[in-house]
N, C-alpha and C. Protein backbone atom coordinates (compact mmCIF):
# COMPACT_ATOMS: atom_id res chain seq x y z
N GLN A 1 -12.36 66.37 -14.27
CA GLN A 1 -12.36 65.14 -13.48
C GLN A 1 -10.94 64.60 -13.39
N VAL A 2 -10.52 64.30 -12.17
CA VAL A 2 -9.17 63.78 -11.96
C VAL A 2 -9.15 62.27 -12.20
N LYS A 3 -8.16 61.83 -12.96
CA LYS A 3 -8.00 60.40 -13.21
C LYS A 3 -6.53 60.03 -13.15
N LEU A 4 -6.27 58.86 -12.57
CA LEU A 4 -4.94 58.25 -12.60
C LEU A 4 -5.11 56.89 -13.26
N VAL A 5 -4.38 56.66 -14.32
CA VAL A 5 -4.53 55.42 -15.07
C VAL A 5 -3.19 54.71 -15.15
N GLU A 6 -3.16 53.52 -14.57
CA GLU A 6 -1.93 52.72 -14.57
C GLU A 6 -1.89 51.80 -15.78
N SER A 7 -0.67 51.47 -16.20
CA SER A 7 -0.47 50.49 -17.25
C SER A 7 0.90 49.85 -17.06
N GLY A 8 1.11 48.72 -17.73
CA GLY A 8 2.43 48.10 -17.70
C GLY A 8 2.53 46.84 -16.86
N GLY A 9 1.48 46.50 -16.14
CA GLY A 9 1.53 45.29 -15.35
C GLY A 9 1.46 44.05 -16.22
N GLY A 10 1.69 42.89 -15.59
CA GLY A 10 1.63 41.65 -16.34
C GLY A 10 2.33 40.54 -15.62
N LEU A 11 2.57 39.46 -16.37
CA LEU A 11 3.24 38.28 -15.83
C LEU A 11 4.70 38.29 -16.26
N VAL A 12 5.60 38.08 -15.31
CA VAL A 12 7.02 38.08 -15.60
C VAL A 12 7.68 37.00 -14.74
N GLN A 13 8.76 36.43 -15.23
CA GLN A 13 9.50 35.44 -14.46
C GLN A 13 10.39 36.12 -13.42
N ALA A 14 10.69 35.40 -12.38
CA ALA A 14 11.60 35.92 -11.36
C ALA A 14 12.91 36.35 -12.01
N GLY A 15 13.39 37.50 -11.57
CA GLY A 15 14.60 38.05 -12.14
C GLY A 15 14.35 39.02 -13.28
N GLY A 16 13.12 39.05 -13.76
CA GLY A 16 12.78 39.92 -14.87
C GLY A 16 12.46 41.33 -14.44
N SER A 17 12.03 42.13 -15.43
CA SER A 17 11.75 43.55 -15.20
C SER A 17 10.42 43.93 -15.80
N LEU A 18 9.82 44.95 -15.22
CA LEU A 18 8.62 45.57 -15.75
C LEU A 18 8.71 47.07 -15.49
N ARG A 19 8.02 47.83 -16.33
CA ARG A 19 7.94 49.27 -16.12
C ARG A 19 6.47 49.65 -16.06
N LEU A 20 6.08 50.18 -14.93
CA LEU A 20 4.72 50.65 -14.77
C LEU A 20 4.64 52.14 -15.10
N THR A 21 3.53 52.51 -15.68
CA THR A 21 3.27 53.91 -16.02
C THR A 21 1.96 54.35 -15.42
N CYS A 22 1.94 55.57 -14.89
CA CYS A 22 0.71 56.16 -14.37
C CYS A 22 0.54 57.52 -15.01
N ALA A 23 -0.51 57.65 -15.80
CA ALA A 23 -0.81 58.91 -16.45
C ALA A 23 -1.93 59.61 -15.71
N ALA A 24 -1.67 60.84 -15.27
CA ALA A 24 -2.66 61.61 -14.54
C ALA A 24 -3.30 62.64 -15.46
N SER A 25 -4.56 62.94 -15.19
CA SER A 25 -5.26 63.98 -15.94
C SER A 25 -6.20 64.71 -15.00
N GLY A 26 -6.52 65.92 -15.36
CA GLY A 26 -7.46 66.70 -14.57
C GLY A 26 -6.82 67.75 -13.68
N ARG A 27 -5.59 67.50 -13.23
CA ARG A 27 -4.83 68.45 -12.44
C ARG A 27 -3.42 67.92 -12.24
N THR A 28 -2.57 68.75 -11.70
CA THR A 28 -1.23 68.32 -11.36
C THR A 28 -1.12 68.11 -9.86
N PHE A 29 -0.07 67.40 -9.45
CA PHE A 29 0.08 67.00 -8.07
C PHE A 29 1.47 67.31 -7.55
N TYR A 30 1.55 67.54 -6.26
CA TYR A 30 2.86 67.73 -5.64
C TYR A 30 3.59 66.40 -5.52
N GLY A 31 2.90 65.37 -5.07
CA GLY A 31 3.50 64.05 -4.92
C GLY A 31 2.78 63.03 -5.77
N MET A 32 3.54 62.18 -6.44
CA MET A 32 2.97 61.05 -7.18
C MET A 32 3.78 59.81 -6.86
N GLY A 33 3.11 58.70 -6.62
CA GLY A 33 3.85 57.53 -6.22
C GLY A 33 3.10 56.24 -6.43
N TRP A 34 3.64 55.21 -5.81
CA TRP A 34 3.11 53.86 -5.98
C TRP A 34 2.97 53.15 -4.63
N PHE A 35 1.89 52.42 -4.51
CA PHE A 35 1.66 51.50 -3.41
C PHE A 35 1.36 50.14 -4.03
N ARG A 36 1.41 49.10 -3.21
CA ARG A 36 1.04 47.78 -3.70
C ARG A 36 0.29 47.01 -2.63
N GLN A 37 -0.51 46.07 -3.09
CA GLN A 37 -1.27 45.26 -2.16
C GLN A 37 -1.28 43.81 -2.65
N ALA A 38 -0.66 42.96 -1.86
CA ALA A 38 -0.64 41.53 -2.16
C ALA A 38 -1.88 40.87 -1.55
N PRO A 39 -2.27 39.72 -2.05
CA PRO A 39 -3.46 39.03 -1.52
C PRO A 39 -3.34 38.79 -0.02
N GLY A 40 -4.35 39.19 0.72
CA GLY A 40 -4.36 38.96 2.15
C GLY A 40 -3.51 39.91 2.96
N LYS A 41 -2.93 40.90 2.30
CA LYS A 41 -2.05 41.84 3.01
C LYS A 41 -2.57 43.26 2.88
N GLU A 42 -2.06 44.14 3.74
CA GLU A 42 -2.44 45.54 3.68
C GLU A 42 -1.70 46.23 2.53
N ARG A 43 -2.29 47.32 2.09
CA ARG A 43 -1.63 48.13 1.07
C ARG A 43 -0.37 48.74 1.66
N GLU A 44 0.73 48.66 0.91
CA GLU A 44 1.99 49.16 1.43
C GLU A 44 2.66 50.13 0.46
N PHE A 45 3.40 51.03 1.05
CA PHE A 45 4.14 52.05 0.29
C PHE A 45 5.26 51.40 -0.51
N VAL A 46 5.44 51.88 -1.74
CA VAL A 46 6.54 51.42 -2.59
C VAL A 46 7.51 52.57 -2.89
N ALA A 47 6.98 53.65 -3.44
CA ALA A 47 7.86 54.76 -3.84
C ALA A 47 7.02 56.01 -4.06
N ILE A 48 7.68 57.16 -3.91
CA ILE A 48 7.01 58.43 -4.17
C ILE A 48 8.00 59.44 -4.72
N ASN A 49 7.51 60.31 -5.58
CA ASN A 49 8.30 61.40 -6.16
C ASN A 49 7.61 62.71 -5.83
N TRP A 50 8.40 63.66 -5.29
CA TRP A 50 7.87 64.97 -4.94
C TRP A 50 8.31 65.97 -5.99
N SER A 51 7.40 66.35 -6.88
CA SER A 51 7.66 67.39 -7.89
C SER A 51 8.99 67.18 -8.62
N SER A 52 9.32 65.93 -8.86
CA SER A 52 10.49 65.53 -9.65
C SER A 52 11.82 65.73 -8.96
N SER A 53 11.85 66.31 -7.77
CA SER A 53 13.15 66.62 -7.19
C SER A 53 13.57 65.67 -6.07
N VAL A 54 12.63 65.09 -5.37
CA VAL A 54 12.94 64.23 -4.23
C VAL A 54 12.17 62.93 -4.38
N THR A 55 12.83 61.84 -4.12
CA THR A 55 12.16 60.55 -4.18
C THR A 55 12.45 59.73 -2.92
N TYR A 56 11.49 58.89 -2.56
CA TYR A 56 11.66 57.95 -1.47
C TYR A 56 11.25 56.57 -1.96
N ILE A 57 12.03 55.59 -1.59
CA ILE A 57 11.81 54.21 -1.99
C ILE A 57 11.72 53.35 -0.75
N ALA A 58 10.77 52.42 -0.73
CA ALA A 58 10.66 51.51 0.40
C ALA A 58 11.90 50.63 0.49
N ASP A 59 12.30 50.31 1.71
CA ASP A 59 13.49 49.48 1.91
C ASP A 59 13.37 48.13 1.22
N SER A 60 12.16 47.61 1.15
CA SER A 60 11.95 46.28 0.58
C SER A 60 12.25 46.22 -0.92
N VAL A 61 12.25 47.36 -1.58
CA VAL A 61 12.51 47.38 -3.02
C VAL A 61 13.68 48.26 -3.40
N LYS A 62 14.32 48.87 -2.42
CA LYS A 62 15.44 49.76 -2.70
C LYS A 62 16.56 49.00 -3.40
N GLY A 63 17.11 49.62 -4.43
CA GLY A 63 18.16 48.98 -5.21
C GLY A 63 17.62 48.17 -6.38
N ARG A 64 16.31 47.92 -6.38
CA ARG A 64 15.69 47.16 -7.48
C ARG A 64 14.66 48.00 -8.22
N PHE A 65 13.96 48.87 -7.52
CA PHE A 65 12.91 49.70 -8.13
C PHE A 65 13.39 51.15 -8.19
N THR A 66 12.98 51.82 -9.24
CA THR A 66 13.28 53.24 -9.42
C THR A 66 12.01 53.97 -9.83
N ILE A 67 11.78 55.12 -9.21
CA ILE A 67 10.64 55.95 -9.59
C ILE A 67 11.13 57.17 -10.33
N SER A 68 10.41 57.53 -11.36
CA SER A 68 10.74 58.75 -12.11
C SER A 68 9.45 59.43 -12.54
N ARG A 69 9.60 60.66 -12.98
CA ARG A 69 8.41 61.45 -13.27
C ARG A 69 8.68 62.40 -14.42
N ASP A 70 7.68 62.57 -15.26
CA ASP A 70 7.73 63.51 -16.36
C ASP A 70 6.61 64.52 -16.14
N ASN A 71 6.95 65.68 -15.63
CA ASN A 71 5.94 66.68 -15.31
C ASN A 71 5.22 67.18 -16.57
N ALA A 72 5.94 67.25 -17.67
CA ALA A 72 5.32 67.72 -18.91
C ALA A 72 4.19 66.80 -19.35
N LYS A 73 4.33 65.50 -19.03
CA LYS A 73 3.31 64.52 -19.40
C LYS A 73 2.38 64.19 -18.23
N ASN A 74 2.67 64.78 -17.07
CA ASN A 74 1.89 64.49 -15.86
C ASN A 74 1.85 62.98 -15.61
N THR A 75 3.01 62.37 -15.69
CA THR A 75 3.14 60.92 -15.64
C THR A 75 4.25 60.52 -14.69
N VAL A 76 4.01 59.42 -13.97
CA VAL A 76 5.04 58.86 -13.10
C VAL A 76 5.27 57.41 -13.51
N TYR A 77 6.51 56.98 -13.37
CA TYR A 77 6.90 55.64 -13.79
C TYR A 77 7.50 54.87 -12.62
N LEU A 78 7.39 53.57 -12.68
CA LEU A 78 8.06 52.71 -11.71
C LEU A 78 8.79 51.62 -12.49
N GLN A 79 10.10 51.72 -12.50
CA GLN A 79 10.93 50.70 -13.14
C GLN A 79 11.24 49.65 -12.09
N MET A 80 10.87 48.41 -12.39
CA MET A 80 11.04 47.32 -11.44
C MET A 80 11.98 46.28 -12.04
N ASN A 81 13.11 46.08 -11.39
CA ASN A 81 14.11 45.12 -11.85
C ASN A 81 14.29 44.02 -10.81
N SER A 82 14.90 42.93 -11.23
CA SER A 82 15.19 41.80 -10.33
C SER A 82 13.96 41.40 -9.54
N LEU A 83 12.86 41.25 -10.23
CA LEU A 83 11.59 40.94 -9.56
C LEU A 83 11.62 39.55 -8.94
N THR A 84 10.95 39.44 -7.81
CA THR A 84 10.82 38.16 -7.10
C THR A 84 9.33 37.85 -6.91
N PRO A 85 8.99 36.61 -6.62
CA PRO A 85 7.58 36.29 -6.39
C PRO A 85 6.95 37.13 -5.27
N GLU A 86 7.78 37.60 -4.34
CA GLU A 86 7.27 38.43 -3.24
C GLU A 86 6.81 39.81 -3.73
N ASP A 87 7.16 40.16 -4.93
CA ASP A 87 6.71 41.44 -5.51
C ASP A 87 5.33 41.31 -6.16
N THR A 88 4.80 40.12 -6.21
CA THR A 88 3.48 39.91 -6.79
C THR A 88 2.42 40.68 -6.00
N ALA A 89 1.68 41.53 -6.69
CA ALA A 89 0.68 42.37 -6.03
C ALA A 89 -0.06 43.20 -7.08
N VAL A 90 -1.12 43.84 -6.64
CA VAL A 90 -1.73 44.89 -7.44
C VAL A 90 -1.01 46.18 -7.09
N TYR A 91 -0.51 46.86 -8.09
CA TYR A 91 0.22 48.10 -7.89
C TYR A 91 -0.70 49.27 -8.22
N TYR A 92 -0.79 50.18 -7.26
CA TYR A 92 -1.66 51.34 -7.38
C TYR A 92 -0.86 52.63 -7.49
N CYS A 93 -1.25 53.44 -8.42
CA CYS A 93 -0.73 54.80 -8.51
C CYS A 93 -1.51 55.68 -7.54
N ALA A 94 -0.82 56.58 -6.88
CA ALA A 94 -1.47 57.47 -5.93
C ALA A 94 -0.86 58.87 -6.05
N ALA A 95 -1.65 59.86 -5.70
CA ALA A 95 -1.18 61.24 -5.82
C ALA A 95 -1.61 62.07 -4.62
N ARG A 96 -0.75 63.04 -4.29
CA ARG A 96 -1.03 63.93 -3.17
C ARG A 96 -0.98 65.38 -3.62
N LEU A 97 -1.87 66.17 -3.05
CA LEU A 97 -1.90 67.59 -3.37
C LEU A 97 -0.88 68.36 -2.55
N GLY A 98 -0.62 67.93 -1.33
CA GLY A 98 0.30 68.63 -0.46
C GLY A 98 1.39 67.72 0.05
N SER A 99 2.23 68.25 0.92
CA SER A 99 3.38 67.51 1.40
C SER A 99 3.32 67.17 2.88
N SER A 100 2.30 67.58 3.59
CA SER A 100 2.26 67.35 5.03
C SER A 100 1.88 65.92 5.34
N GLY A 101 2.42 65.40 6.44
CA GLY A 101 2.09 64.04 6.84
C GLY A 101 3.00 63.01 6.23
N THR A 102 2.99 61.84 6.80
CA THR A 102 3.87 60.79 6.34
C THR A 102 3.50 60.33 4.94
N TYR A 103 4.50 60.06 4.14
CA TYR A 103 4.25 59.67 2.75
C TYR A 103 4.03 58.18 2.61
N THR A 104 4.24 57.41 3.66
CA THR A 104 4.05 55.97 3.57
C THR A 104 2.63 55.53 3.93
N ASP A 105 1.83 56.45 4.39
CA ASP A 105 0.47 56.13 4.83
C ASP A 105 -0.50 56.24 3.66
N PRO A 106 -1.12 55.14 3.27
CA PRO A 106 -2.08 55.23 2.15
C PRO A 106 -3.21 56.22 2.42
N GLY A 107 -3.56 56.40 3.68
CA GLY A 107 -4.62 57.31 4.03
C GLY A 107 -4.30 58.77 3.77
N ARG A 108 -3.04 59.08 3.52
CA ARG A 108 -2.62 60.46 3.27
C ARG A 108 -2.64 60.81 1.78
N MET A 109 -2.92 59.82 0.94
CA MET A 109 -2.97 60.09 -0.49
C MET A 109 -4.36 60.61 -0.87
N ASP A 110 -4.41 61.50 -1.84
CA ASP A 110 -5.66 62.16 -2.19
C ASP A 110 -6.40 61.50 -3.36
N TYR A 111 -5.66 60.90 -4.26
CA TYR A 111 -6.26 60.25 -5.43
C TYR A 111 -5.58 58.92 -5.68
N TRP A 112 -6.37 58.00 -6.25
CA TRP A 112 -5.87 56.66 -6.53
C TRP A 112 -6.27 56.22 -7.93
N GLY A 113 -5.39 55.42 -8.54
CA GLY A 113 -5.78 54.72 -9.75
C GLY A 113 -6.46 53.42 -9.39
N LYS A 114 -6.89 52.68 -10.40
CA LYS A 114 -7.61 51.43 -10.17
C LYS A 114 -6.67 50.25 -9.96
N GLY A 115 -5.40 50.43 -10.27
CA GLY A 115 -4.42 49.38 -10.03
C GLY A 115 -4.10 48.56 -11.26
N THR A 116 -2.91 47.99 -11.26
CA THR A 116 -2.48 47.08 -12.31
C THR A 116 -1.78 45.89 -11.66
N LEU A 117 -2.11 44.70 -12.11
CA LEU A 117 -1.62 43.48 -11.48
C LEU A 117 -0.24 43.12 -12.01
N VAL A 118 0.66 42.85 -11.07
CA VAL A 118 1.99 42.35 -11.40
C VAL A 118 2.12 40.96 -10.78
N THR A 119 2.40 39.98 -11.62
CA THR A 119 2.57 38.62 -11.16
C THR A 119 3.96 38.14 -11.53
N VAL A 120 4.71 37.71 -10.53
CA VAL A 120 6.07 37.23 -10.75
C VAL A 120 6.10 35.73 -10.46
N SER A 121 6.42 34.96 -11.47
CA SER A 121 6.45 33.51 -11.33
C SER A 121 7.86 33.05 -10.95
N SER A 122 7.92 31.96 -10.20
CA SER A 122 9.23 31.46 -9.75
C SER A 122 9.81 30.46 -10.74
């Protein structure tokens, strides 16, 4: 059974940092990444790592967020720095088996975690 389990969310003040972790089990993936969904908004792309060699970061978080991956642990991380209240959302880990199609489309991801809430206070 495939599972993606996120951890590391919580409450942080503006300007602070958090590190999210997503541990996968059941199989390995070509792409592993993060999406987020704020209240009343659509789920949006944050970052993705392709087999540890290529990464893409959304413009809205570029320079503040970093994605990394440990293939030996089947785990992907999201380091979030300089957080702002606009980063408040449920953050979801997502994984893809292949590389075809746009990586920013949530509909192209094959597996999802249940999400972890990040709240940034002003």
